[in-house]
C-alpha atoms as a PDB file:
ATOM      1  CA  MET A   1      -6.882 -13.681   0.439  1.00  0.00           C
ATOM      2  CA  ILE A   2      -8.423 -11.178  -1.968  1.00  0.00           C
ATOM      3  CA  ALA A   3     -10.176  -8.909   0.543  1.00  0.00           C
ATOM      4  CA  PHE A   4      -9.067  -7.945   4.049  1.00  0.00           C
ATOM      5  CA  GLY A   5     -10.064  -5.546   6.777  1.00  0.00           C
ATOM      6  CA  PRO A   6     -11.457  -2.984   6.983  1.00  0.00           C
ATOM      7  CA  VAL A   7      -8.236  -1.565   8.405  1.00  0.00           C
ATOM      8  CA  PRO A   8      -7.614   1.910   9.866  1.00  0.00           C
ATOM      9  CA  SER A   9      -5.941   4.138   7.283  1.00  0.00           C
ATOM     10  CA  ARG A  10      -4.316   7.464   8.093  1.00  0.00           C
ATOM     11  CA  ARG A  11      -5.454   8.800   4.715  1.00  0.00           C
ATOM     12  CA  LEU A  12      -8.647   6.918   3.919  1.00  0.00           C
ATOM     13  CA  GLY A  13     -10.418   6.291   7.225  1.00  0.00           C
ATOM     14  CA  ARG A  14     -11.823   2.760   7.302  1.00  0.00           C
ATOM     15  CA  SER A  15     -10.382   1.018   4.283  1.00  0.00           C
ATOM     16  CA  LEU A  16     -11.455  -2.388   2.963  1.00  0.00           C
ATOM     17  CA  GLY A  17      -8.352  -3.734   1.258  1.00  0.00           C
ATOM     18  CA  VAL A  18      -8.307  -5.601  -2.055  1.00  0.00           C
ATOM     19  CA  ASN A  19      -5.210  -7.740  -2.584  1.00  0.00           C
ATOM     20  CA  ASN A  20      -5.553  -8.309  -6.323  1.00  0.00           C
ATOM     21  CA  VAL A  21      -2.119  -9.786  -7.130  1.00  0.00           C
ATOM     22  CA  PRO A  22      -0.273 -12.839  -5.760  1.00  0.00           C
ATOM     23  CA  PHE A  23       2.442 -12.455  -3.145  1.00  0.00           C
ATOM     24  CA  LYS A  24       5.258 -10.091  -4.211  1.00  0.00           C
ATOM     25  CA  THR A  25       4.188  -9.798  -7.827  1.00  0.00           C
ATOM     26  CA  CYS A  26       5.938  -6.480  -8.132  1.00  0.00           C
ATOM     27  CA  THR A  27       8.035  -4.200 -10.311  1.00  0.00           C
ATOM     28  CA  PHE A  28      10.170  -3.073  -7.358  1.00  0.00           C
ATOM     29  CA  SER A  29      11.997  -4.634  -4.434  1.00  0.00           C
ATOM     30  CA  CYS A  30      12.004  -1.595  -2.136  1.00  0.00           C
ATOM     31  CA  VAL A  31      14.457  -1.662   0.752  1.00  0.00           C
ATOM     32  CA  TYR A  32      11.668  -0.633   3.143  1.00  0.00           C
ATOM     33  CA  CYS A  33       8.913  -2.974   1.886  1.00  0.00           C
ATOM     34  CA  GLN A  34       6.881  -4.361   4.785  1.00  0.00           C
ATOM     35  CA  VAL A  35       6.190  -7.688   3.070  1.00  0.00           C
ATOM     36  CA  GLY A  36       9.793  -8.574   2.219  1.00  0.00           C
ATOM     37  CA  ARG A  37      12.036  -8.708  -0.829  1.00  0.00           C
ATOM     38  CA  THR A  38      10.791  -9.329  -4.353  1.00  0.00           C
ATOM     39  CA  ARG A  39      12.628 -12.405  -5.588  1.00  0.00           C
ATOM     40  CA  ALA A  40      11.884 -11.789  -9.267  1.00  0.00           C
ATOM     41  CA  THR A  41      10.520  -8.449 -10.443  1.00  0.00           C
ATOM     42  CA  VAL A  42       8.049  -8.292 -13.335  1.00  0.00           C
ATOM     43  CA  ILE A  43       6.676  -5.488 -15.494  1.00  0.00           C
ATOM     44  CA  GLU A  44       4.125  -7.406 -17.597  1.00  0.00           C
ATOM     45  CA  ARG A  45       0.435  -7.053 -16.771  1.00  0.00           C
ATOM     46  CA  LEU A  46      -1.062 -10.440 -15.897  1.00  0.00           C
ATOM     47  CA  LYS A  47      -4.432 -12.048 -15.259  1.00  0.00           C
ATOM     48  CA  PHE A  48      -4.743 -13.317 -11.679  1.00  0.00           C
ATOM     49  CA  PHE A  49      -8.340 -13.483 -10.454  1.00  0.00           C
ATOM     50  CA  GLU A  50     -11.623 -13.360 -12.320  1.00  0.00           C
ATOM     51  CA  PRO A  51     -13.210  -9.919 -11.781  1.00  0.00           C
ATOM     52  CA  ALA A  52     -16.485 -11.581 -10.741  1.00  0.00           C
ATOM     53  CA  GLU A  53     -14.603 -13.446  -7.998  1.00  0.00           C
ATOM     54  CA  VAL A  54     -13.153 -10.189  -6.688  1.00  0.00           C
ATOM     55  CA  LEU A  55     -16.654  -8.684  -6.589  1.00  0.00           C
ATOM     56  CA  ASP A  56     -18.091 -11.706  -4.760  1.00  0.00           C
ATOM     57  CA  VAL A  57     -15.332 -11.725  -2.136  1.00  0.00           C
ATOM     58  CA  VAL A  58     -15.625  -7.975  -1.491  1.00  0.00           C
ATOM     59  CA  ARG A  59     -19.420  -8.203  -1.238  1.00  0.00           C
ATOM     60  CA  LYS A  60     -19.113 -11.005   1.312  1.00  0.00           C
ATOM     61  CA  ARG A  61     -16.554  -9.055   3.306  1.00  0.00           C
ATOM     62  CA  ILE A  62     -18.815  -6.018   3.435  1.00  0.00           C
ATOM     63  CA  ALA A  63     -21.767  -8.171   4.517  1.00  0.00           C
ATOM     64  CA  ASP A  64     -19.676  -9.833   7.245  1.00  0.00           C
ATOM     65  CA  THR A  65     -18.578  -6.493   8.716  1.00  0.00           C
ATOM     66  CA  GLU A  66     -22.113  -5.097   8.587  1.00  0.00           C
ATOM     67  CA  ARG A  67     -23.415  -8.187  10.389  1.00  0.00           C
ATOM     68  CA  THR A  68     -20.967  -7.671  13.268  1.00  0.00           C
ATOM     69  CA  GLY A  69     -22.012  -4.027  13.668  1.00  0.00           C
ATOM     70  CA  GLU A  70     -18.772  -2.454  12.444  1.00  0.00           C
ATOM     71  CA  PRO A  71     -18.815   1.233  11.377  1.00  0.00           C
ATOM     72  CA  PRO A  72     -19.297   2.007   7.661  1.00  0.00           C
ATOM     73  CA  ILE A  73     -16.454   1.472   5.177  1.00  0.00           C
ATOM     74  CA  ASP A  74     -15.037   4.695   3.708  1.00  0.00           C
ATOM     75  CA  PHE A  75     -13.016   3.239   0.812  1.00  0.00           C
ATOM     76  CA  ILE A  76     -12.447   0.009  -1.065  1.00  0.00           C
ATOM     77  CA  THR A  77      -8.692   0.193  -1.621  1.00  0.00           C
ATOM     78  CA  PHE A  78      -6.543  -1.727  -4.090  1.00  0.00           C
ATOM     79  CA  VAL A  79      -3.449  -2.113  -1.921  1.00  0.00           C
ATOM     80  CA  SER A  80      -1.695  -5.420  -2.400  1.00  0.00           C
ATOM     81  CA  ASP A  81       1.464  -7.248  -1.388  1.00  0.00           C
ATOM     82  CA  GLY A  82       2.735  -6.430  -4.873  1.00  0.00           C
ATOM     83  CA  GLU A  83       1.874  -3.755  -7.452  1.00  0.00           C
ATOM     84  CA  PRO A  84      -1.908  -3.597  -8.057  1.00  0.00           C
ATOM     85  CA  THR A  85      -1.632  -2.078 -11.556  1.00  0.00           C
ATOM     86  CA  LEU A  86       0.074  -5.282 -12.777  1.00  0.00           C
ATOM     87  CA  ASP A  87      -3.424  -6.795 -12.680  1.00  0.00           C
ATOM     88  CA  VAL A  88      -4.720  -6.616 -16.259  1.00  0.00           C
ATOM     89  CA  ASN A  89      -8.295  -6.765 -14.912  1.00  0.00           C
ATOM     90  CA  LEU A  90      -7.944  -3.781 -12.566  1.00  0.00           C
ATOM     91  CA  GLY A  91     -10.215  -1.526 -14.609  1.00  0.00           C
ATOM     92  CA  ARG A  92     -12.922  -4.173 -14.943  1.00  0.00           C
ATOM     93  CA  GLU A  93     -12.775  -4.860 -11.199  1.00  0.00           C
ATOM     94  CA  ILE A  94     -13.232  -1.157 -10.420  1.00  0.00           C
ATOM     95  CA  ASP A  95     -16.229  -1.068 -12.772  1.00  0.00           C
ATOM     96  CA  LEU A  96     -17.833  -4.009 -10.966  1.00  0.00           C
ATOM     97  CA  LEU A  97     -17.186  -2.593  -7.483  1.00  0.00           C
ATOM     98  CA  LYS A  98     -18.462   0.935  -8.118  1.00  0.00           C
ATOM     99  CA  PRO A  99     -22.184   0.016  -7.889  1.00  0.00           C
ATOM    100  CA  LEU A 100     -21.569  -0.998  -4.247  1.00  0.00           C
ATOM    101  CA  GLY A 101     -21.631   2.730  -3.493  1.00  0.00           C
ATOM    102  CA  ILE A 102     -18.233   2.914  -1.772  1.00  0.00           C
ATOM    103  CA  LYS A 103     -15.414   5.073  -3.121  1.00  0.00           C
ATOM    104  CA  ILE A 104     -12.526   3.265  -4.842  1.00  0.00           C
ATOM    105  CA  ALA A 105      -8.864   3.997  -4.069  1.00  0.00           C
ATOM    106  CA  VAL A 106      -5.676   2.661  -5.644  1.00  0.00           C
ATOM    107  CA  ILE A 107      -2.259   2.907  -3.991  1.00  0.00           C
ATOM    108  CA  THR A 108       0.371   2.398  -6.683  1.00  0.00           C
ATOM    109  CA  ASN A 109       4.154   2.606  -6.858  1.00  0.00           C
ATOM    110  CA  SER A 110       3.660   4.384 -10.230  1.00  0.00           C
ATOM    111  CA  SER A 111       6.092   2.071 -12.017  1.00  0.00           C
ATOM    112  CA  VAL A 112       3.930   1.164 -15.016  1.00  0.00           C
ATOM    113  CA  ILE A 113       1.969   4.412 -15.289  1.00  0.00           C
ATOM    114  CA  TRP A 114       3.836   5.045 -18.544  1.00  0.00           C
ATOM    115  CA  ARG A 115       1.411   2.536 -20.098  1.00  0.00           C
ATOM    116  CA  ASP A 116      -1.772   3.936 -21.659  1.00  0.00           C
ATOM    117  CA  ASP A 117      -3.897   1.025 -20.415  1.00  0.00           C
ATOM    118  CA  VAL A 118      -2.698   1.473 -16.821  1.00  0.00           C
ATOM    119  CA  ARG A 119      -3.591   5.167 -16.871  1.00  0.00           C
ATOM    120  CA  GLU A 120      -7.011   4.321 -18.331  1.00  0.00           C
ATOM    121  CA  ASP A 121      -7.677   1.880 -15.483  1.00  0.00           C
ATOM    122  CA  LEU A 122      -6.540   4.354 -12.817  1.00  0.00           C
ATOM    123  CA  MET A 123      -8.834   7.034 -14.281  1.00  0.00           C
ATOM    124  CA  LYS A 124     -11.788   4.966 -13.049  1.00  0.00           C
ATOM    125  CA  ALA A 125     -10.784   5.288  -9.379  1.00  0.00           C
ATOM    126  CA  ASP A 126     -11.979   8.033  -7.028  1.00  0.00           C
ATOM    127  CA  TRP A 127      -8.653   8.407  -5.222  1.00  0.00           C
ATOM    128  CA  VAL A 128      -5.136   7.526  -6.382  1.00  0.00           C
ATOM    129  CA  SER A 129      -1.797   7.693  -4.575  1.00  0.00           C
ATOM    130  CA  LEU A 130       1.405   7.874  -6.643  1.00  0.00           C
ATOM    131  CA  LYS A 131       4.726   6.952  -5.055  1.00  0.00           C
ATOM    132  CA  ILE A 132       7.735   9.211  -5.652  1.00  0.00           C
ATOM    133  CA  ASP A 133      10.804   8.355  -3.559  1.00  0.00           C
ATOM    134  CA  SER A 134      13.274  10.132  -5.818  1.00  0.00           C
ATOM    135  CA  ILE A 135      13.451  11.667  -9.274  1.00  0.00           C
ATOM    136  CA  GLY A 136      17.199  10.997  -9.427  1.00  0.00           C
ATOM    137  CA  GLU A 137      18.126   7.787 -11.234  1.00  0.00           C
ATOM    138  CA  ASP A 138      20.832   6.647  -8.794  1.00  0.00           C
ATOM    139  CA  VAL A 139      18.805   7.182  -5.611  1.00  0.00           C
ATOM    140  CA  TRP A 140      15.688   5.678  -7.199  1.00  0.00           C
ATOM    141  CA  ARG A 141      17.540   2.497  -8.135  1.00  0.00           C
ATOM    142  CA  ARG A 142      19.114   2.162  -4.675  1.00  0.00           C
ATOM    143  CA  ILE A 143      15.946   2.689  -2.646  1.00  0.00           C
ATOM    144  CA  ASP A 144      13.197   1.194  -4.847  1.00  0.00           C
ATOM    145  CA  ARG A 145      15.386  -1.404  -6.608  1.00  0.00           C
ATOM    146  CA  PRO A 146      13.234  -1.470  -9.777  1.00  0.00           C
ATOM    147  CA  ASP A 147      13.119  -4.043 -12.529  1.00  0.00           C
ATOM    148  CA  LYS A 148      16.059  -3.285 -14.834  1.00  0.00           C
ATOM    149  CA  ARG A 149      13.748  -2.772 -17.795  1.00  0.00           C
ATOM    150  CA  LEU A 150      11.998   0.198 -16.178  1.00  0.00           C
ATOM    151  CA  ARG A 151      12.986   3.756 -17.097  1.00  0.00           C
ATOM    152  CA  LEU A 152      12.497   6.510 -14.531  1.00  0.00           C
ATOM    153  CA  GLN A 153      12.001   9.251 -17.127  1.00  0.00           C
ATOM    154  CA  ALA A 154       9.119   7.339 -18.735  1.00  0.00           C
ATOM    155  CA  ILE A 155       7.516   6.860 -15.317  1.00  0.00           C
ATOM    156  CA  LEU A 156       7.779  10.563 -14.465  1.00  0.00           C
ATOM    157  CA  GLU A 157       6.303  11.531 -17.828  1.00  0.00           C
ATOM    158  CA  GLY A 158       3.464   9.026 -17.293  1.00  0.00           C
ATOM    159  CA  MET A 159       2.690  10.603 -13.917  1.00  0.00           C
ATOM    160  CA  LEU A 160       2.444  14.058 -15.482  1.00  0.00           C
ATOM    161  CA  VAL A 161       0.111  12.844 -18.238  1.00  0.00           C
ATOM    162  CA  PHE A 162      -2.095  11.081 -15.674  1.00  0.00           C
ATOM    163  CA  ALA A 163      -2.198  14.041 -13.281  1.00  0.00           C
ATOM    164  CA  GLN A 164      -3.333  16.392 -16.040  1.00  0.00           C
ATOM    165  CA  ALA A 165      -6.285  14.159 -16.982  1.00  0.00           C
ATOM    166  CA  PHE A 166      -7.382  12.579 -13.672  1.00  0.00           C
ATOM    167  CA  LYS A 167     -10.662  13.941 -12.280  1.00  0.00           C
ATOM    168  CA  GLY A 168     -10.525  12.263  -8.881  1.00  0.00           C
ATOM    169  CA  VAL A 169      -8.445  12.981  -5.785  1.00  0.00           C
ATOM    170  CA  LEU A 170      -4.721  12.669  -6.513  1.00  0.00           C
ATOM    171  CA  THR A 171      -2.118  12.308  -3.757  1.00  0.00           C
ATOM    172  CA  THR A 172       1.572  11.474  -3.685  1.00  0.00           C
ATOM    173  CA  GLU A 173       3.663   9.634  -1.108  1.00  0.00           C
ATOM    174  CA  THR A 174       7.394   9.840  -0.489  1.00  0.00           C
ATOM    175  CA  MET A 175       9.004   7.345   1.884  1.00  0.00           C
ATOM    176  CA  LEU A 176      11.963   8.857   3.724  1.00  0.00           C
ATOM    177  CA  VAL A 177      14.784   6.434   4.520  1.00  0.00           C
ATOM    178  CA  LYS A 178      17.701   7.542   6.659  1.00  0.00           C
ATOM    179  CA  GLY A 179      20.830   8.251   4.644  1.00  0.00           C
ATOM    180  CA  MET A 180      19.242   7.403   1.299  1.00  0.00           C
ATOM    181  CA  ASN A 181      16.771  10.037   0.110  1.00  0.00           C
ATOM    182  CA  ASP A 182      16.356  12.345   3.105  1.00  0.00           C
ATOM    183  CA  ASN A 183      18.817  15.027   2.016  1.00  0.00           C
ATOM    184  CA  GLU A 184      17.888  18.573   1.047  1.00  0.00           C
ATOM    185  CA  GLN A 185      18.735  18.199  -2.638  1.00  0.00           C
ATOM    186  CA  ASN A 186      16.515  15.153  -3.060  1.00  0.00           C
ATOM    187  CA  MET A 187      13.637  16.933  -1.307  1.00  0.00           C
ATOM    188  CA  LYS A 188      14.007  19.994  -3.541  1.00  0.00           C
ATOM    189  CA  GLU A 189      13.930  17.816  -6.650  1.00  0.00           C
ATOM    190  CA  ILE A 190      10.923  15.742  -5.548  1.00  0.00           C
ATOM    191  CA  SER A 191       8.908  18.702  -4.294  1.00  0.00           C
ATOM    192  CA  GLY A 192       9.562  20.577  -7.521  1.00  0.00           C
ATOM    193  CA  PHE A 193       8.214  17.641  -9.498  1.00  0.00           C
ATOM    194  CA  VAL A 194       5.245  17.201  -7.138  1.00  0.00           C
ATOM    195  CA  SER A 195       4.320  20.853  -7.637  1.00  0.00           C
ATOM    196  CA  ARG A 196       3.977  20.055 -11.362  1.00  0.00           C
ATOM    197  CA  LEU A 197       1.619  17.166 -10.557  1.00  0.00           C
ATOM    198  CA  ASN A 198      -0.402  19.483  -8.280  1.00  0.00           C
ATOM    199  CA  PRO A 199      -1.971  16.757  -6.096  1.00  0.00           C
ATOM    200  CA  SER A 200      -4.513  17.527  -3.389  1.00  0.00           C
ATOM    201  CA  ARG A 201      -1.986  16.304  -0.790  1.00  0.00           C
ATOM    202  CA  ALA A 202       1.667  15.275  -0.786  1.00  0.00           C
ATOM    203  CA  TYR A 203       2.512  12.875   2.031  1.00  0.00           C
ATOM    204  CA  LEU A 204       5.898  12.333   3.632  1.00  0.00           C
ATOM    205  CA  SER A 205       6.141   8.963   5.366  1.00  0.00           C
ATOM    206  CA  VAL A 206       8.747   6.946   7.231  1.00  0.00           C
ATOM    207  CA  PRO A 207       9.076   3.197   7.846  1.00  0.00           C
ATOM    208  CA  THR A 208       6.781   2.260  10.750  1.00  0.00           C
ATOM    209  CA  ARG A 209       6.619  -1.499  10.171  1.00  0.00           C
ATOM    210  CA  PRO A 210       9.360  -4.124   9.776  1.00  0.00           C
ATOM    211  CA  PRO A 211      11.209  -3.433   6.477  1.00  0.00           C
ATOM    212  CA  SER A 212      12.642  -5.986   4.061  1.00  0.00           C
ATOM    213  CA  GLU A 213      16.178  -4.845   4.925  1.00  0.00           C
ATOM    214  CA  GLU A 214      17.058  -4.788   8.613  1.00  0.00           C
ATOM    215  CA  TRP A 215      19.375  -1.784   8.245  1.00  0.00           C
ATOM    216  CA  VAL A 216      16.553   0.497   7.078  1.00  0.00           C
ATOM    217  CA  GLU A 217      15.757   3.244   9.592  1.00  0.00           C
ATOM    218  CA  PRO A 218      13.570   6.356   9.579  1.00  0.00           C
ATOM    219  CA  PRO A 219      15.346   9.739   9.650  1.00  0.00           C
ATOM    220  CA  ASP A 220      15.588  11.500  13.003  1.00  0.00           C
ATOM    221  CA  GLU A 221      13.017  14.158  13.927  1.00  0.00           C
ATOM    222  CA  GLN A 222      15.271  17.052  12.947  1.00  0.00           C
ATOM    223  CA  THR A 223      15.825  15.621   9.460  1.00  0.00           C
ATOM    224  CA  ILE A 224      12.130  14.847   8.995  1.00  0.00           C
ATOM    225  CA  ASN A 225      11.287  18.429   9.914  1.00  0.00           C
ATOM    226  CA  LYS A 226      13.917  19.730   7.495  1.00  0.00           C
ATOM    227  CA  CYS A 227      12.455  17.583   4.700  1.00  0.00           C
ATOM    228  CA  PHE A 228       9.006  18.938   5.501  1.00  0.00           C
ATOM    229  CA  GLN A 229      10.198  22.532   5.402  1.00  0.00           C
ATOM    230  CA  VAL A 230      11.999  22.079   2.083  1.00  0.00           C
ATOM    231  CA  PHE A 231       9.013  20.257   0.608  1.00  0.00           C
ATOM    232  CA  SER A 232       6.439  22.797   1.784  1.00  0.00           C
ATOM    233  CA  GLY A 233       8.578  25.583   0.333  1.00  0.00           C
ATOM    234  CA  LYS A 234       7.767  24.231  -3.129  1.00  0.00           C
ATOM    235  CA  PHE A 235       4.310  22.769  -2.520  1.00  0.00           C
ATOM    236  CA  PRO A 236       1.877  23.985   0.178  1.00  0.00           C
ATOM    237  CA  ASN A 237      -0.302  20.929   0.813  1.00  0.00           C
ATOM    238  CA  VAL A 238       2.214  18.679   2.578  1.00  0.00           C
ATOM    239  CA  GLU A 239       1.392  16.338   5.455  1.00  0.00           C
ATOM    240  CA  TYR A 240       3.312  13.909   7.619  1.00  0.00           C
ATOM    241  CA  LEU A 241       2.299  10.266   7.442  1.00  0.00           C
ATOM    242  CA  ILE A 242       4.491   9.057  10.275  1.00  0.00           C
ATOM    243  CA  GLY A 243       2.240   8.088  13.174  1.00  0.00           C
ATOM    244  CA  TYR A 244       0.723   4.773  14.191  1.00  0.00           C
ATOM    245  CA  GLU A 245      -2.625   4.321  12.448  1.00  0.00           C
ATOM    246  CA  GLY A 246      -4.315   2.756  15.479  1.00  0.00           C
ATOM    247  CA  ASP A 247      -5.790  -0.655  16.186  1.00  0.00           C
ATOM    248  CA  ALA A 248      -9.377  -0.248  14.937  1.00  0.00           C
ATOM    249  CA  PHE A 249      -9.215  -3.327  12.709  1.00  0.00           C
ATOM    250  CA  ALA A 250     -12.603  -4.758  11.787  1.00  0.00           C
ATOM    251  CA  PHE A 251     -13.827  -8.134  13.046  1.00  0.00           C
ATOM    252  CA  SER A 252     -15.958 -10.092  10.563  1.00  0.00           C
ATOM    253  CA  GLY A 253     -16.685 -13.140  12.715  1.00  0.00           C
ATOM    254  CA  ASP A 254     -13.585 -15.316  12.206  1.00  0.00           C
ATOM    255  CA  ALA A 255     -10.540 -14.081  14.127  1.00  0.00           C
ATOM    256  CA  GLU A 256      -8.026 -16.328  12.358  1.00  0.00           C
ATOM    257  CA  GLU A 257      -9.284 -15.394   8.899  1.00  0.00           C
ATOM    258  CA  ASP A 258      -9.253 -11.683   9.785  1.00  0.00           C
ATOM    259  CA  ILE A 259      -5.706 -11.746  11.142  1.00  0.00           C
ATOM    260  CA  LEU A 260      -4.318 -13.780   8.237  1.00  0.00           C
ATOM    261  CA  GLY A 261      -6.048 -11.512   5.739  1.00  0.00           C
ATOM    262  CA  ILE A 262      -4.737  -8.303   7.284  1.00  0.00           C
ATOM    263  CA  THR A 263      -1.208  -9.514   8.005  1.00  0.00           C
ATOM    264  CA  ALA A 264      -0.746 -10.748   4.434  1.00  0.00           C
ATOM    265  CA  VAL A 265      -0.249  -7.115   3.390  1.00  0.00           C
ATOM    266  CA  HIS A 266      -0.319  -5.112   6.610  1.00  0.00           C
ATOM    267  CA  PRO A 267       1.855  -6.269   9.543  1.00  0.00           C
ATOM    268  CA  MET A 268      -0.094  -5.796  12.788  1.00  0.00           C
ATOM    269  CA  ARG A 269       1.335  -4.509  16.033  1.00  0.00           C
ATOM    270  CA  GLU A 270       0.768  -6.686  19.078  1.00  0.00           C
ATOM    271  CA  ASP A 271      -1.696  -4.234  20.629  1.00  0.00           C
ATOM    272  CA  ALA A 272      -3.780  -4.251  17.446  1.00  0.00           C
ATOM    273  CA  VAL A 273      -3.853  -8.057  17.422  1.00  0.00           C
ATOM    274  CA  ARG A 274      -4.940  -8.158  21.066  1.00  0.00           C
ATOM    275  CA  SER A 275      -7.681  -5.617  20.344  1.00  0.00           C
ATOM    276  CA  LEU A 276      -9.063  -7.704  17.480  1.00  0.00           C
ATOM    277  CA  LEU A 277      -8.935 -10.883  19.571  1.00  0.00           C
ATOM    278  CA  ALA A 278     -10.857  -9.092  22.326  1.00  0.00           C
ATOM    279  CA  LYS A 279     -13.606  -8.219  19.820  1.00  0.00           C
ATOM    280  CA  ALA A 280     -13.747 -11.870  18.825  1.00  0.00           C
ATOM    281  CA  GLY A 281     -13.849 -13.052  22.424  1.00  0.00           C
ATOM    282  CA  VAL A 282     -10.912 -15.422  21.966  1.00  0.00           C
ATOM    283  CA  GLY A 283      -7.553 -15.696  23.696  1.00  0.00           C
ATOM    284  CA  TRP A 284      -3.919 -15.387  22.669  1.00  0.00           C
ATOM    285  CA  SER A 285      -3.751 -19.146  22.075  1.00  0.00           C
ATOM    286  CA  VAL A 286      -5.151 -18.463  18.580  1.00  0.00           C
ATOM    287  CA  ILE A 287      -1.945 -16.584  17.733  1.00  0.00           C
ATOM    288  CA  GLU A 288       0.279 -19.199  19.330  1.00  0.00           C
ATOM    289  CA  THR A 289      -1.434 -21.897  17.258  1.00  0.00           C
ATOM    290  CA  MET A 290      -1.022 -19.976  13.994  1.00  0.00           C
ATOM    291  CA  ILE A 291       2.673 -19.422  14.750  1.00  0.00           C
ATOM    292  CA  ARG A 292       3.112 -23.109  15.560  1.00  0.00           C
ATOM    293  CA  GLN A 293       1.362 -24.085  12.299  1.00  0.00           C
ATOM    294  CA  GLY A 294       3.662 -21.802  10.313  1.00  0.00           C
ATOM    295  CA  LYS A 295       0.856 -19.459   9.245  1.00  0.00           C
ATOM    296  CA  LEU A 296       2.062 -16.422  11.188  1.00  0.00           C
ATOM    297  CA  ALA A 297       5.475 -14.963  12.019  1.00  0.00           C
ATOM    298  CA  GLU A 298       6.518 -12.707  14.898  1.00  0.00           C
ATOM    299  CA  THR A 299       9.117  -9.960  14.507  1.00  0.00           C
ATOM    300  CA  ARG A 300      10.257  -6.716  16.132  1.00  0.00           C
ATOM    301  CA  TYR A 301      10.828  -3.237  14.752  1.00  0.00           C
ATOM    302  CA  SER A 302      11.465   0.071  16.544  1.00  0.00           C
ATOM    303  CA  GLY A 303      10.806  -1.538  19.918  1.00  0.00           C
ATOM    304  CA  GLU A 304       7.400  -2.905  18.905  1.00  0.00           C
ATOM    305  CA  LYS A 305       6.322  -6.496  18.287  1.00  0.00           C
ATOM    306  CA  PHE A 306       4.639  -7.202  14.911  1.00  0.00           C
ATOM    307  CA  TYR A 307       2.860 -10.184  13.391  1.00  0.00           C
ATOM    308  CA  LEU A 308       2.893 -11.016   9.679  1.00  0.00           C
ATOM    309  CA  ARG A 309       1.432 -13.796   7.608  1.00  0.00           C
ATOM    310  CA  LYS A 310       3.823 -16.312   6.121  1.00  0.00           C
ATOM    311  CA  PRO A 311       3.614 -15.906   2.318  1.00  0.00           C
ATOM    312  CA  VAL A 312       1.360 -18.152   0.271  1.00  0.00           C
ATOM    313  CA  LYS A 313       2.609 -18.076  -3.304  1.00  0.00           C
ATOM    314  CA  THR A 314       0.311 -18.440  -6.279  1.00  0.00           C
ATOM    315  CA  GLY A 315       0.842 -17.887  -9.962  1.00  0.00           C
ATOM    316  CA  GLY A 316      -0.729 -15.765 -12.627  1.00  0.00           C
ATOM    317  CA  GLU A 317      -1.181 -16.337 -16.318  1.00  0.00           C
ATOM    318  CA  LYS A 318       0.055 -13.973 -18.992  1.00  0.00           C
ATOM    319  CA  ARG A 319      -2.435 -12.299 -21.262  1.00  0.00           C
END
């Protein structure tokens, strides 16, 4: 499903998601990924959907939410169940969506920002988030598990070049994983690098949804606070991104389609699912049916029950 939501975003308000790459088409296989392991990483940019199709689907989604009386959308966000910059048509899609009058955001893991064409595409967005989990080679490879062909130094240099030229709102995000990258040295190194990027905000986040590896845990509160203090000592505009984003998911008129679209890239807590079903005026039997049909899976994490869409794999063609 190309478009989903709008979903509540802790950074972007009401965000209409664009899932512009097939399931797990990614450069990384992060230990904390909420949509599972990447079976085969890629670094080539590919053609997946026609840009006109992306525009049509987003337009329809906006019209559906307006018809049901939902509040206005704050951002159209390229946030996929893979790496959105692997889409060779990303720049063209942004160009087509801009006339809709809604700001465009891209959440990227930064892995191919060393490419000139990727930076050119990202320049067209209004808001970009760059991921930086570590600037140390060993930690980076253990936590993000990148494609072996990727080089961290090239990625870091690409980030710096992009940050110097980008005219929109730049943010960074660092995911803290207990025992992996939550030590003082790692925080000093990352925050020092972030200060060179000079983003409008640097976010520290922790896993809040079921991760790809069951052993992944967020740091305890004391460690999170220590990371924040170290980080803010180097860069002033630091914020936590560790709370539950809420259950204000939009209803477009078809409860099953909405839930499958959201849970393809954004596992939903049980209370959020129940809230959306209440908007639709349908009962829990809808969820039971989708689970029985193999469309939806139920799992637990940190004492909460989550629902995620079973993956539907499609291919892309090289260009």
